[in-house]
Every structure is written in structure tokens, then in C-alpha cells.
Amino acid sequence: MDHPIFTESIQRIQALLGPTGLPLLEQEVLERLIHSSGDPALAPLLRFTPGACTTAASDLAQGAVILTDTAMAAAAAAPMAARTFSNPVHSVLQWAPPQAPEGQTRAALGMAAALQAHPGAVVLIGSAPTALELLLDRVAQGDRAPALVIGMPVGFVGVADSKRRLAASGLPQIRLEGSRGGAGLVAAAVNALLRRAWLDQQANG
């Protein structure tokens, strides 16, 4: 499944990191984030809720839907999903209006509809803190929680507040603190979960 260049890259990343004390699945998420970004400085910014990766990997192996806040993140996650468990991958913008009313965003409006269409999905947010805020509002109002939130919106406006709310929410999550994030990183995180779940399934025959 892995290309030799990927394998060698991971070996070099492991040497750079040294011992992390992370469980296997969390370690592989970290390694893939660094591989995708070329930035070992992400390591101290990465946060997990206990058991979130293991549970989400199991859900993905059962075909859980993957929702993303951008088409770019969906495009980056779709190939691994297709090679493994054929998970449906959708950008929430599929549910968004062509233009958002003043004071709202297409990502947030699309997220509201997507969560209704696919409750319990694995949700990737790499660009739109407004979509993350909307998700947190809906769960606080009693909607079903996602199987996992990969919360890594990138930037400087609204990002820190949305990540703080996610941290305090208690939702199963993978989170990147600070201003870093993006479509490539959220896709890298879910791809690590898909890859490990697939390898484990093949090993257990």
C-alpha cells in the first residue's frame, strides 16, 4: 500500500521526532501530518481526546461518511477512502447556497444541512472556523455528535476561539492548536486513520 518514498519519509520523521509516548494510531496521525506539511514543529501543537482515533478508525472501517468544509479537503481525502473502505466523501459546500447572506458563510450554512443529512459522520474542518462554530452550536442544542471532529481551521480570524470551544466541548477530536491547519492537514489525519484501519483489517484477514 505504501510507496517506498513514503516509507523512507516516515522513517526520517520518526528519527527527527524521537520517542513521543503516543499510541500507535496517534503516532501515525502525527507522522502523516508532518509528512504532508514538512513541518516537525506541528508535533507539540497536536491534541487528541482519549480513544477518539481508535473509535473513529472503527467507524471508518464500517463505511462512515466523511464530511469536509472545503472541496480541496474532500479531494485530498477521497483517494484513500476509495482505496480502502469506499467511504462517501462530501464537501459541505454541496449543501450550501451559491451565495451566503450577509454575516454568514457558505461553509457554515452547508455544514448545518450536511450534519442533518449525515449525522454521526467524521467531520474535517481545515479552513472555516465558522463551520466549526456551527457544528459546536448544533451539538450544544442537542444534535447528534459527529463520530470525530478533525478541527484544524487555519488562519487568524475566529480560529483560536473556535479551537478553544472545540477543546472544551468534550467531542471526540483531533485538534491542532494555534493558527496552523488547512485542507491538506485534515485530509492527512483522516488518511492516517483509514490507512491503519485498512492495514489492521488485512492483517486480521
N, C-alpha and C. Protein backbone atom coordinates (compact mmCIF):
# COMPACT_ATOMS: atom_id res chain seq x y z
N MET A 1 0.82 -1.21 0.00
CA MET A 1 0.00 0.00 0.00
C MET A 1 0.86 1.27 0.00
N ASP A 2 2.01 1.23 0.67
CA ASP A 2 2.85 2.41 0.81
C ASP A 2 3.93 2.45 -0.25
N HIS A 3 4.16 3.63 -0.80
CA HIS A 3 5.24 3.83 -1.75
C HIS A 3 6.57 3.87 -0.98
N PRO A 4 7.66 3.37 -1.58
CA PRO A 4 8.96 3.39 -0.88
C PRO A 4 9.38 4.78 -0.43
N ILE A 5 9.04 5.82 -1.20
CA ILE A 5 9.41 7.18 -0.79
C ILE A 5 8.66 7.57 0.49
N PHE A 6 7.37 7.17 0.56
CA PHE A 6 6.60 7.44 1.77
C PHE A 6 7.22 6.71 2.96
N THR A 7 7.57 5.46 2.76
CA THR A 7 8.15 4.66 3.86
C THR A 7 9.44 5.30 4.36
N GLU A 8 10.30 5.71 3.44
CA GLU A 8 11.55 6.34 3.86
C GLU A 8 11.29 7.68 4.55
N SER A 9 10.33 8.43 4.05
CA SER A 9 9.99 9.71 4.67
C SER A 9 9.53 9.51 6.11
N ILE A 10 8.69 8.50 6.34
CA ILE A 10 8.20 8.24 7.70
C ILE A 10 9.36 7.84 8.61
N GLN A 11 10.28 7.05 8.09
CA GLN A 11 11.44 6.66 8.90
C GLN A 11 12.26 7.89 9.31
N ARG A 12 12.42 8.83 8.40
CA ARG A 12 13.16 10.05 8.72
C ARG A 12 12.40 10.91 9.73
N ILE A 13 11.10 10.97 9.57
CA ILE A 13 10.28 11.72 10.53
C ILE A 13 10.39 11.10 11.92
N GLN A 14 10.32 9.78 12.00
CA GLN A 14 10.46 9.10 13.30
C GLN A 14 11.80 9.42 13.95
N ALA A 15 12.85 9.46 13.13
CA ALA A 15 14.17 9.79 13.67
C ALA A 15 14.22 11.23 14.18
N LEU A 16 13.57 12.13 13.47
CA LEU A 16 13.52 13.52 13.91
C LEU A 16 12.74 13.68 15.22
N LEU A 17 11.62 12.96 15.32
CA LEU A 17 10.76 13.11 16.48
C LEU A 17 11.35 12.47 17.74
N GLY A 18 12.00 11.31 17.56
CA GLY A 18 12.40 10.54 18.73
C GLY A 18 11.17 9.98 19.42
N PRO A 19 11.31 9.43 20.63
CA PRO A 19 10.17 8.86 21.33
C PRO A 19 9.12 9.92 21.67
N THR A 20 7.88 9.64 21.37
CA THR A 20 6.80 10.58 21.67
C THR A 20 5.88 10.09 22.78
N GLY A 21 5.86 8.79 23.02
CA GLY A 21 4.95 8.24 24.01
C GLY A 21 3.53 8.10 23.53
N LEU A 22 3.28 8.41 22.25
CA LEU A 22 1.93 8.32 21.72
C LEU A 22 1.58 6.88 21.38
N PRO A 23 0.30 6.49 21.52
CA PRO A 23 -0.14 5.20 20.99
C PRO A 23 0.06 5.14 19.48
N LEU A 24 0.04 3.93 18.92
CA LEU A 24 0.35 3.73 17.51
C LEU A 24 -0.47 4.62 16.58
N LEU A 25 -1.78 4.64 16.77
CA LEU A 25 -2.64 5.35 15.83
C LEU A 25 -2.40 6.85 15.90
N GLU A 26 -2.28 7.39 17.11
CA GLU A 26 -1.99 8.81 17.26
C GLU A 26 -0.61 9.15 16.68
N GLN A 27 0.35 8.26 16.88
CA GLN A 27 1.67 8.46 16.32
C GLN A 27 1.61 8.53 14.79
N GLU A 28 0.83 7.64 14.20
CA GLU A 28 0.74 7.63 12.74
C GLU A 28 0.04 8.88 12.21
N VAL A 29 -0.95 9.39 12.95
CA VAL A 29 -1.57 10.66 12.56
C VAL A 29 -0.52 11.77 12.58
N LEU A 30 0.25 11.84 13.65
CA LEU A 30 1.29 12.86 13.76
C LEU A 30 2.29 12.75 12.61
N GLU A 31 2.75 11.54 12.34
CA GLU A 31 3.73 11.35 11.27
C GLU A 31 3.18 11.78 9.92
N ARG A 32 1.93 11.48 9.67
CA ARG A 32 1.36 11.85 8.37
C ARG A 32 1.16 13.35 8.26
N LEU A 33 0.82 14.01 9.36
CA LEU A 33 0.71 15.46 9.33
C LEU A 33 2.05 16.10 9.01
N ILE A 34 3.10 15.59 9.62
CA ILE A 34 4.43 16.13 9.35
C ILE A 34 4.86 15.82 7.92
N HIS A 35 4.56 14.62 7.47
CA HIS A 35 4.88 14.24 6.09
C HIS A 35 4.18 15.16 5.10
N SER A 36 2.93 15.51 5.39
CA SER A 36 2.15 16.34 4.46
C SER A 36 2.58 17.80 4.48
N SER A 37 3.07 18.26 5.63
CA SER A 37 3.41 19.67 5.78
C SER A 37 4.90 19.96 5.70
N GLY A 38 5.73 18.93 5.93
CA GLY A 38 7.17 19.15 6.02
C GLY A 38 7.58 19.91 7.26
N ASP A 39 6.72 19.87 8.29
CA ASP A 39 6.93 20.73 9.47
C ASP A 39 6.88 19.94 10.77
N PRO A 40 8.05 19.50 11.28
CA PRO A 40 8.06 18.77 12.56
C PRO A 40 7.59 19.60 13.73
N ALA A 41 7.54 20.93 13.58
CA ALA A 41 7.09 21.80 14.67
C ALA A 41 5.60 21.65 14.96
N LEU A 42 4.89 20.88 14.13
CA LEU A 42 3.48 20.61 14.44
C LEU A 42 3.32 19.70 15.66
N ALA A 43 4.34 18.92 15.97
CA ALA A 43 4.20 17.89 17.00
C ALA A 43 3.65 18.41 18.32
N PRO A 44 4.19 19.49 18.90
CA PRO A 44 3.67 19.93 20.20
C PRO A 44 2.30 20.61 20.12
N LEU A 45 1.80 20.85 18.92
CA LEU A 45 0.51 21.51 18.76
C LEU A 45 -0.66 20.53 18.63
N LEU A 46 -0.35 19.26 18.46
CA LEU A 46 -1.38 18.27 18.16
C LEU A 46 -2.02 17.76 19.43
N ARG A 47 -3.35 17.69 19.43
CA ARG A 47 -4.12 17.23 20.58
C ARG A 47 -5.14 16.16 20.15
N PHE A 48 -5.35 15.19 21.03
CA PHE A 48 -6.34 14.13 20.81
C PHE A 48 -7.18 13.98 22.08
N THR A 49 -8.46 13.67 21.92
CA THR A 49 -9.21 13.20 23.07
C THR A 49 -9.00 11.69 23.18
N PRO A 50 -8.97 11.17 24.41
CA PRO A 50 -8.66 9.75 24.60
C PRO A 50 -9.63 8.85 23.83
N GLY A 51 -9.06 7.92 23.09
CA GLY A 51 -9.86 6.93 22.38
C GLY A 51 -10.50 7.40 21.10
N ALA A 52 -10.36 8.69 20.78
CA ALA A 52 -11.07 9.22 19.62
C ALA A 52 -10.58 8.58 18.33
N CYS A 53 -9.28 8.39 18.19
CA CYS A 53 -8.75 7.84 16.95
C CYS A 53 -9.17 6.38 16.76
N THR A 54 -9.11 5.61 17.82
CA THR A 54 -9.46 4.19 17.73
C THR A 54 -10.93 4.02 17.35
N THR A 55 -11.80 4.78 18.01
CA THR A 55 -13.22 4.68 17.71
C THR A 55 -13.52 5.14 16.29
N ALA A 56 -12.90 6.25 15.88
CA ALA A 56 -13.15 6.76 14.53
C ALA A 56 -12.62 5.81 13.47
N ALA A 57 -11.47 5.18 13.71
CA ALA A 57 -10.94 4.22 12.75
C ALA A 57 -11.91 3.06 12.58
N SER A 58 -12.51 2.62 13.68
CA SER A 58 -13.51 1.54 13.59
C SER A 58 -14.73 2.00 12.80
N ASP A 59 -15.18 3.23 13.04
CA ASP A 59 -16.33 3.76 12.30
C ASP A 59 -16.01 3.88 10.81
N LEU A 60 -14.81 4.33 10.51
CA LEU A 60 -14.41 4.44 9.10
C LEU A 60 -14.37 3.08 8.43
N ALA A 61 -13.92 2.07 9.16
CA ALA A 61 -13.88 0.72 8.61
C ALA A 61 -15.28 0.19 8.33
N GLN A 62 -16.28 0.75 9.00
CA GLN A 62 -17.67 0.37 8.74
C GLN A 62 -18.32 1.26 7.69
N GLY A 63 -17.51 2.13 7.06
CA GLY A 63 -18.03 2.94 5.96
C GLY A 63 -18.56 4.30 6.33
N ALA A 64 -18.16 4.83 7.49
CA ALA A 64 -18.67 6.13 7.93
C ALA A 64 -18.46 7.20 6.86
N VAL A 65 -19.44 8.09 6.75
CA VAL A 65 -19.36 9.21 5.83
C VAL A 65 -18.32 10.21 6.33
N ILE A 66 -17.57 10.79 5.41
CA ILE A 66 -16.60 11.84 5.72
C ILE A 66 -17.12 13.14 5.14
N LEU A 67 -17.28 14.15 6.01
CA LEU A 67 -17.69 15.49 5.60
C LEU A 67 -16.52 16.44 5.75
N THR A 68 -16.33 17.31 4.77
CA THR A 68 -15.25 18.29 4.82
C THR A 68 -15.81 19.68 4.60
N ASP A 69 -15.06 20.68 5.08
CA ASP A 69 -15.55 22.05 4.91
C ASP A 69 -15.19 22.65 3.56
N THR A 70 -14.31 22.01 2.81
CA THR A 70 -13.91 22.53 1.50
C THR A 70 -13.83 21.40 0.48
N ALA A 71 -13.95 21.79 -0.78
CA ALA A 71 -13.78 20.82 -1.86
C ALA A 71 -12.34 20.32 -1.90
N MET A 72 -11.38 21.17 -1.53
CA MET A 72 -9.98 20.76 -1.54
C MET A 72 -9.73 19.63 -0.55
N ALA A 73 -10.29 19.74 0.64
CA ALA A 73 -10.11 18.68 1.63
C ALA A 73 -10.79 17.39 1.18
N ALA A 74 -11.95 17.52 0.57
CA ALA A 74 -12.64 16.33 0.06
C ALA A 74 -11.81 15.64 -1.01
N ALA A 75 -11.22 16.43 -1.91
CA ALA A 75 -10.40 15.86 -2.98
C ALA A 75 -9.17 15.16 -2.42
N ALA A 76 -8.63 15.68 -1.32
CA ALA A 76 -7.43 15.08 -0.73
C ALA A 76 -7.74 13.81 0.06
N ALA A 77 -8.95 13.69 0.58
CA ALA A 77 -9.33 12.51 1.35
C ALA A 77 -9.94 11.41 0.50
N ALA A 78 -10.54 11.77 -0.62
CA ALA A 78 -11.29 10.80 -1.42
C ALA A 78 -10.46 9.64 -1.96
N PRO A 79 -9.22 9.85 -2.44
CA PRO A 79 -8.48 8.71 -2.98
C PRO A 79 -8.20 7.62 -1.95
N MET A 80 -7.80 7.99 -0.72
CA MET A 80 -7.57 6.98 0.30
C MET A 80 -8.87 6.28 0.69
N ALA A 81 -9.95 7.04 0.78
CA ALA A 81 -11.24 6.43 1.09
C ALA A 81 -11.62 5.42 0.01
N ALA A 82 -11.38 5.77 -1.25
CA ALA A 82 -11.73 4.86 -2.35
C ALA A 82 -10.88 3.60 -2.33
N ARG A 83 -9.61 3.72 -1.93
CA ARG A 83 -8.71 2.56 -1.91
C ARG A 83 -8.96 1.64 -0.72
N THR A 84 -9.67 2.12 0.26
CA THR A 84 -9.84 1.33 1.49
C THR A 84 -11.29 0.88 1.65
N PHE A 85 -12.13 1.68 2.28
CA PHE A 85 -13.47 1.22 2.64
C PHE A 85 -14.58 1.86 1.82
N SER A 86 -14.21 2.58 0.76
CA SER A 86 -15.19 3.23 -0.12
C SER A 86 -16.12 4.17 0.63
N ASN A 87 -15.55 4.85 1.64
CA ASN A 87 -16.37 5.81 2.40
C ASN A 87 -16.84 6.94 1.48
N PRO A 88 -18.10 7.33 1.57
CA PRO A 88 -18.53 8.53 0.86
C PRO A 88 -17.82 9.75 1.44
N VAL A 89 -17.33 10.62 0.56
CA VAL A 89 -16.64 11.85 0.98
C VAL A 89 -17.37 13.02 0.34
N HIS A 90 -17.85 13.94 1.18
CA HIS A 90 -18.62 15.08 0.67
C HIS A 90 -18.08 16.37 1.26
N SER A 91 -17.98 17.39 0.43
CA SER A 91 -17.79 18.74 0.94
C SER A 91 -19.15 19.30 1.35
N VAL A 92 -19.19 19.96 2.50
CA VAL A 92 -20.47 20.53 2.96
C VAL A 92 -20.94 21.64 2.01
N LEU A 93 -20.05 22.13 1.15
CA LEU A 93 -20.45 23.15 0.19
C LEU A 93 -21.47 22.62 -0.82
N GLN A 94 -21.58 21.28 -0.91
CA GLN A 94 -22.63 20.69 -1.75
C GLN A 94 -24.01 21.11 -1.27
N TRP A 95 -24.13 21.40 0.02
CA TRP A 95 -25.42 21.78 0.59
C TRP A 95 -25.56 23.29 0.75
N ALA A 96 -24.54 24.03 0.37
CA ALA A 96 -24.55 25.47 0.61
C ALA A 96 -25.23 26.22 -0.53
N PRO A 97 -25.84 27.37 -0.23
CA PRO A 97 -26.39 28.19 -1.32
C PRO A 97 -25.26 28.80 -2.14
N PRO A 98 -25.54 29.22 -3.36
CA PRO A 98 -24.50 29.81 -4.20
C PRO A 98 -23.84 31.04 -3.57
N GLN A 99 -24.62 31.76 -2.77
CA GLN A 99 -24.07 32.95 -2.11
C GLN A 99 -24.65 33.01 -0.71
N ALA A 100 -23.82 33.30 0.28
CA ALA A 100 -24.28 33.37 1.66
C ALA A 100 -24.87 34.75 1.95
N PRO A 101 -25.94 34.80 2.75
CA PRO A 101 -26.45 36.10 3.18
C PRO A 101 -25.38 36.86 3.98
N GLU A 102 -25.54 38.15 4.07
CA GLU A 102 -24.58 38.98 4.80
C GLU A 102 -24.45 38.51 6.24
N GLY A 103 -23.21 38.39 6.71
CA GLY A 103 -22.97 37.97 8.08
C GLY A 103 -22.89 36.47 8.27
N GLN A 104 -23.07 35.70 7.19
CA GLN A 104 -22.97 34.24 7.27
C GLN A 104 -21.94 33.76 6.25
N THR A 105 -21.62 32.47 6.34
CA THR A 105 -20.69 31.89 5.36
C THR A 105 -21.31 30.66 4.72
N ARG A 106 -20.90 30.39 3.49
CA ARG A 106 -21.40 29.21 2.79
C ARG A 106 -21.01 27.94 3.55
N ALA A 107 -19.80 27.92 4.13
CA ALA A 107 -19.35 26.72 4.84
C ALA A 107 -20.24 26.42 6.03
N ALA A 108 -20.60 27.44 6.78
CA ALA A 108 -21.45 27.22 7.95
C ALA A 108 -22.84 26.77 7.54
N LEU A 109 -23.41 27.41 6.52
CA LEU A 109 -24.74 27.03 6.06
C LEU A 109 -24.74 25.61 5.50
N GLY A 110 -23.68 25.28 4.76
CA GLY A 110 -23.58 23.92 4.24
C GLY A 110 -23.40 22.90 5.34
N MET A 111 -22.64 23.26 6.37
CA MET A 111 -22.42 22.34 7.49
C MET A 111 -23.74 22.01 8.19
N ALA A 112 -24.58 23.01 8.37
CA ALA A 112 -25.86 22.78 9.04
C ALA A 112 -26.67 21.72 8.30
N ALA A 113 -26.75 21.85 6.99
CA ALA A 113 -27.53 20.89 6.20
C ALA A 113 -26.83 19.54 6.13
N ALA A 114 -25.51 19.53 6.01
CA ALA A 114 -24.77 18.27 5.89
C ALA A 114 -24.89 17.43 7.16
N LEU A 115 -24.86 18.08 8.31
CA LEU A 115 -24.98 17.35 9.56
C LEU A 115 -26.35 16.71 9.71
N GLN A 116 -27.36 17.36 9.16
CA GLN A 116 -28.70 16.75 9.17
C GLN A 116 -28.75 15.56 8.23
N ALA A 117 -28.10 15.68 7.10
CA ALA A 117 -28.11 14.60 6.11
C ALA A 117 -27.27 13.41 6.55
N HIS A 118 -26.20 13.66 7.29
CA HIS A 118 -25.27 12.60 7.68
C HIS A 118 -24.88 12.72 9.15
N PRO A 119 -25.82 12.48 10.05
CA PRO A 119 -25.47 12.52 11.48
C PRO A 119 -24.46 11.43 11.81
N GLY A 120 -23.55 11.74 12.73
CA GLY A 120 -22.55 10.76 13.12
C GLY A 120 -21.41 10.60 12.14
N ALA A 121 -21.24 11.56 11.22
CA ALA A 121 -20.14 11.49 10.25
C ALA A 121 -18.81 11.83 10.92
N VAL A 122 -17.74 11.55 10.21
CA VAL A 122 -16.42 12.06 10.56
C VAL A 122 -16.28 13.40 9.85
N VAL A 123 -16.03 14.46 10.62
CA VAL A 123 -16.07 15.82 10.09
C VAL A 123 -14.67 16.43 10.10
N LEU A 124 -14.26 16.94 8.93
CA LEU A 124 -12.95 17.55 8.76
C LEU A 124 -13.12 19.05 8.53
N ILE A 125 -12.52 19.86 9.37
CA ILE A 125 -12.60 21.32 9.23
C ILE A 125 -11.20 21.88 9.20
N GLY A 126 -10.76 22.29 8.01
CA GLY A 126 -9.40 22.79 7.85
C GLY A 126 -9.32 24.24 7.46
N SER A 127 -10.45 24.85 7.14
CA SER A 127 -10.40 26.21 6.61
C SER A 127 -11.41 27.16 7.24
N ALA A 128 -12.54 26.67 7.70
CA ALA A 128 -13.66 27.55 8.06
C ALA A 128 -14.01 27.45 9.54
N PRO A 129 -13.49 28.35 10.37
CA PRO A 129 -13.89 28.33 11.78
C PRO A 129 -15.39 28.54 11.97
N THR A 130 -16.05 29.22 11.02
CA THR A 130 -17.49 29.40 11.13
C THR A 130 -18.22 28.07 11.05
N ALA A 131 -17.70 27.14 10.23
CA ALA A 131 -18.31 25.81 10.14
C ALA A 131 -18.11 25.04 11.44
N LEU A 132 -16.95 25.20 12.06
CA LEU A 132 -16.71 24.55 13.34
C LEU A 132 -17.61 25.13 14.42
N GLU A 133 -17.76 26.44 14.45
CA GLU A 133 -18.65 27.07 15.43
C GLU A 133 -20.09 26.58 15.24
N LEU A 134 -20.53 26.48 14.00
CA LEU A 134 -21.88 26.00 13.72
C LEU A 134 -22.06 24.57 14.23
N LEU A 135 -21.10 23.72 13.95
CA LEU A 135 -21.16 22.33 14.43
C LEU A 135 -21.29 22.29 15.95
N LEU A 136 -20.46 23.08 16.63
CA LEU A 136 -20.50 23.09 18.10
C LEU A 136 -21.83 23.62 18.61
N ASP A 137 -22.38 24.62 17.95
CA ASP A 137 -23.70 25.13 18.34
C ASP A 137 -24.77 24.06 18.21
N ARG A 138 -24.72 23.32 17.10
CA ARG A 138 -25.77 22.31 16.87
C ARG A 138 -25.68 21.18 17.88
N VAL A 139 -24.49 20.74 18.19
CA VAL A 139 -24.33 19.68 19.20
C VAL A 139 -24.80 20.19 20.56
N ALA A 140 -24.48 21.43 20.91
CA ALA A 140 -24.91 22.00 22.18
C ALA A 140 -26.43 22.09 22.26
N GLN A 141 -27.08 22.21 21.10
CA GLN A 141 -28.54 22.28 21.06
C GLN A 141 -29.20 20.90 21.05
N GLY A 142 -28.38 19.85 21.07
CA GLY A 142 -28.93 18.51 21.18
C GLY A 142 -28.81 17.64 19.96
N ASP A 143 -28.19 18.14 18.89
CA ASP A 143 -27.99 17.30 17.70
C ASP A 143 -26.98 16.19 18.01
N ARG A 144 -27.05 15.13 17.25
CA ARG A 144 -26.12 14.01 17.42
C ARG A 144 -24.68 14.47 17.16
N ALA A 145 -23.78 14.04 18.01
CA ALA A 145 -22.37 14.41 17.85
C ALA A 145 -21.75 13.65 16.69
N PRO A 146 -20.81 14.26 15.99
CA PRO A 146 -20.06 13.53 14.96
C PRO A 146 -19.26 12.39 15.58
N ALA A 147 -18.92 11.41 14.76
CA ALA A 147 -18.05 10.33 15.22
C ALA A 147 -16.67 10.87 15.60
N LEU A 148 -16.22 11.89 14.88
CA LEU A 148 -14.93 12.52 15.14
C LEU A 148 -14.94 13.89 14.49
N VAL A 149 -14.34 14.86 15.17
CA VAL A 149 -14.11 16.17 14.57
C VAL A 149 -12.59 16.35 14.43
N ILE A 150 -12.13 16.53 13.20
CA ILE A 150 -10.74 16.89 12.97
C ILE A 150 -10.75 18.40 12.78
N GLY A 151 -10.42 19.11 13.86
CA GLY A 151 -10.57 20.56 13.90
C GLY A 151 -9.24 21.27 13.72
N MET A 152 -8.97 21.69 12.50
CA MET A 152 -7.70 22.37 12.20
C MET A 152 -7.92 23.54 11.27
N PRO A 153 -8.90 24.42 11.58
CA PRO A 153 -9.04 25.60 10.72
C PRO A 153 -7.78 26.44 10.78
N VAL A 154 -7.42 27.00 9.64
CA VAL A 154 -6.17 27.74 9.51
C VAL A 154 -6.47 29.24 9.47
N GLY A 155 -5.58 30.04 10.04
CA GLY A 155 -5.74 31.48 9.90
C GLY A 155 -5.74 32.22 11.22
N PHE A 156 -6.27 33.44 11.19
CA PHE A 156 -6.13 34.35 12.31
C PHE A 156 -7.45 34.96 12.79
N VAL A 157 -8.52 34.82 12.01
CA VAL A 157 -9.80 35.41 12.39
C VAL A 157 -10.76 34.30 12.80
N GLY A 158 -11.11 34.28 14.08
CA GLY A 158 -12.06 33.29 14.58
C GLY A 158 -11.48 31.92 14.84
N VAL A 159 -10.24 31.69 14.42
CA VAL A 159 -9.66 30.36 14.50
C VAL A 159 -9.38 29.96 15.95
N ALA A 160 -8.70 30.81 16.69
CA ALA A 160 -8.35 30.47 18.07
C ALA A 160 -9.59 30.22 18.92
N ASP A 161 -10.60 31.07 18.76
CA ASP A 161 -11.82 30.91 19.55
C ASP A 161 -12.52 29.60 19.21
N SER A 162 -12.59 29.26 17.94
CA SER A 162 -13.28 28.02 17.56
C SER A 162 -12.53 26.81 18.09
N LYS A 163 -11.20 26.86 18.07
CA LYS A 163 -10.43 25.73 18.60
C LYS A 163 -10.57 25.62 20.11
N ARG A 164 -10.64 26.75 20.80
CA ARG A 164 -10.87 26.70 22.25
C ARG A 164 -12.23 26.09 22.57
N ARG A 165 -13.24 26.47 21.79
CA ARG A 165 -14.58 25.88 22.01
C ARG A 165 -14.57 24.39 21.75
N LEU A 166 -13.88 23.97 20.70
CA LEU A 166 -13.79 22.54 20.41
C LEU A 166 -13.10 21.81 21.56
N ALA A 167 -12.02 22.38 22.06
CA ALA A 167 -11.29 21.75 23.16
C ALA A 167 -12.18 21.56 24.38
N ALA A 168 -13.04 22.55 24.64
CA ALA A 168 -13.90 22.50 25.83
C ALA A 168 -15.16 21.67 25.62
N SER A 169 -15.43 21.27 24.38
CA SER A 169 -16.71 20.62 24.06
C SER A 169 -16.81 19.19 24.55
N GLY A 170 -15.66 18.52 24.70
CA GLY A 170 -15.69 17.10 25.04
C GLY A 170 -15.97 16.20 23.87
N LEU A 171 -16.13 16.74 22.66
CA LEU A 171 -16.36 15.90 21.49
C LEU A 171 -15.10 15.10 21.15
N PRO A 172 -15.26 13.90 20.59
CA PRO A 172 -14.08 13.17 20.11
C PRO A 172 -13.41 13.99 19.02
N GLN A 173 -12.11 14.21 19.17
CA GLN A 173 -11.48 15.18 18.27
C GLN A 173 -10.00 14.93 18.10
N ILE A 174 -9.50 15.41 16.96
CA ILE A 174 -8.09 15.64 16.70
C ILE A 174 -7.99 17.13 16.41
N ARG A 175 -7.12 17.81 17.13
CA ARG A 175 -7.09 19.27 17.06
C ARG A 175 -5.65 19.75 16.92
N LEU A 176 -5.48 20.80 16.14
CA LEU A 176 -4.17 21.42 16.01
C LEU A 176 -4.26 22.82 16.58
N GLU A 177 -3.52 23.06 17.65
CA GLU A 177 -3.59 24.35 18.32
C GLU A 177 -2.93 25.44 17.48
N GLY A 178 -3.24 26.69 17.81
CA GLY A 178 -2.62 27.81 17.12
C GLY A 178 -3.29 28.13 15.80
N SER A 179 -2.58 28.86 14.95
CA SER A 179 -3.14 29.34 13.69
C SER A 179 -2.96 28.36 12.54
N ARG A 180 -2.22 27.29 12.77
CA ARG A 180 -1.93 26.36 11.67
C ARG A 180 -3.10 25.41 11.42
N GLY A 181 -3.10 24.87 10.22
CA GLY A 181 -4.16 23.94 9.83
C GLY A 181 -4.24 23.90 8.32
N GLY A 182 -5.43 23.64 7.80
CA GLY A 182 -5.63 23.64 6.36
C GLY A 182 -6.19 22.34 5.83
N ALA A 183 -6.62 22.40 4.58
CA ALA A 183 -7.26 21.25 3.94
C ALA A 183 -6.34 20.05 3.86
N GLY A 184 -5.07 20.28 3.54
CA GLY A 184 -4.13 19.17 3.42
C GLY A 184 -3.91 18.44 4.72
N LEU A 185 -3.90 19.18 5.82
CA LEU A 185 -3.64 18.55 7.11
C LEU A 185 -4.84 17.75 7.61
N VAL A 186 -6.05 18.28 7.47
CA VAL A 186 -7.20 17.49 7.93
C VAL A 186 -7.34 16.21 7.10
N ALA A 187 -7.06 16.32 5.80
CA ALA A 187 -7.11 15.12 4.97
C ALA A 187 -6.01 14.14 5.37
N ALA A 188 -4.84 14.65 5.69
CA ALA A 188 -3.76 13.77 6.13
C ALA A 188 -4.15 13.00 7.38
N ALA A 189 -4.83 13.66 8.30
CA ALA A 189 -5.23 13.00 9.54
C ALA A 189 -6.22 11.87 9.28
N VAL A 190 -7.24 12.13 8.47
CA VAL A 190 -8.21 11.07 8.22
C VAL A 190 -7.59 9.97 7.36
N ASN A 191 -6.67 10.33 6.48
CA ASN A 191 -6.00 9.31 5.67
C ASN A 191 -5.17 8.38 6.55
N ALA A 192 -4.56 8.91 7.60
CA ALA A 192 -3.81 8.05 8.52
C ALA A 192 -4.74 7.05 9.21
N LEU A 193 -5.93 7.51 9.59
CA LEU A 193 -6.88 6.60 10.24
C LEU A 193 -7.37 5.53 9.26
N LEU A 194 -7.68 5.95 8.04
CA LEU A 194 -8.13 4.98 7.03
C LEU A 194 -7.05 3.95 6.74
N ARG A 195 -5.82 4.41 6.59
CA ARG A 195 -4.71 3.51 6.28
C ARG A 195 -4.53 2.48 7.38
N ARG A 196 -4.51 2.92 8.64
CA ARG A 196 -4.29 1.99 9.74
C ARG A 196 -5.44 1.01 9.86
N ALA A 197 -6.67 1.49 9.73
CA ALA A 197 -7.83 0.59 9.81
C ALA A 197 -7.77 -0.46 8.70
N TRP A 198 -7.35 -0.05 7.50
CA TRP A 198 -7.24 -0.98 6.37
C TRP A 198 -6.13 -2.01 6.61
N LEU A 199 -4.97 -1.54 7.05
CA LEU A 199 -3.87 -2.46 7.32
C LEU A 199 -4.24 -3.48 8.40
N ASP A 200 -4.91 -3.01 9.44
CA ASP A 200 -5.33 -3.92 10.51
C ASP A 200 -6.33 -4.94 10.00
N GLN A 201 -7.25 -4.51 9.15
CA GLN A 201 -8.23 -5.44 8.60
C GLN A 201 -7.55 -6.49 7.73
N GLN A 202 -6.58 -6.07 6.92
CA GLN A 202 -5.87 -7.03 6.07
C GLN A 202 -5.06 -8.01 6.92
N ALA A 203 -4.46 -7.51 7.97
CA ALA A 203 -3.64 -8.38 8.83
C ALA A 203 -4.49 -9.41 9.56
N ASN A 204 -5.73 -9.02 9.89
CA ASN A 204 -6.62 -9.92 10.64
C ASN A 204 -7.44 -10.81 9.73
N GLY A 205 -7.28 -10.58 8.44
CA GLY A 205 -7.82 -11.44 7.41
C GLY A 205 -9.27 -11.70 7.35
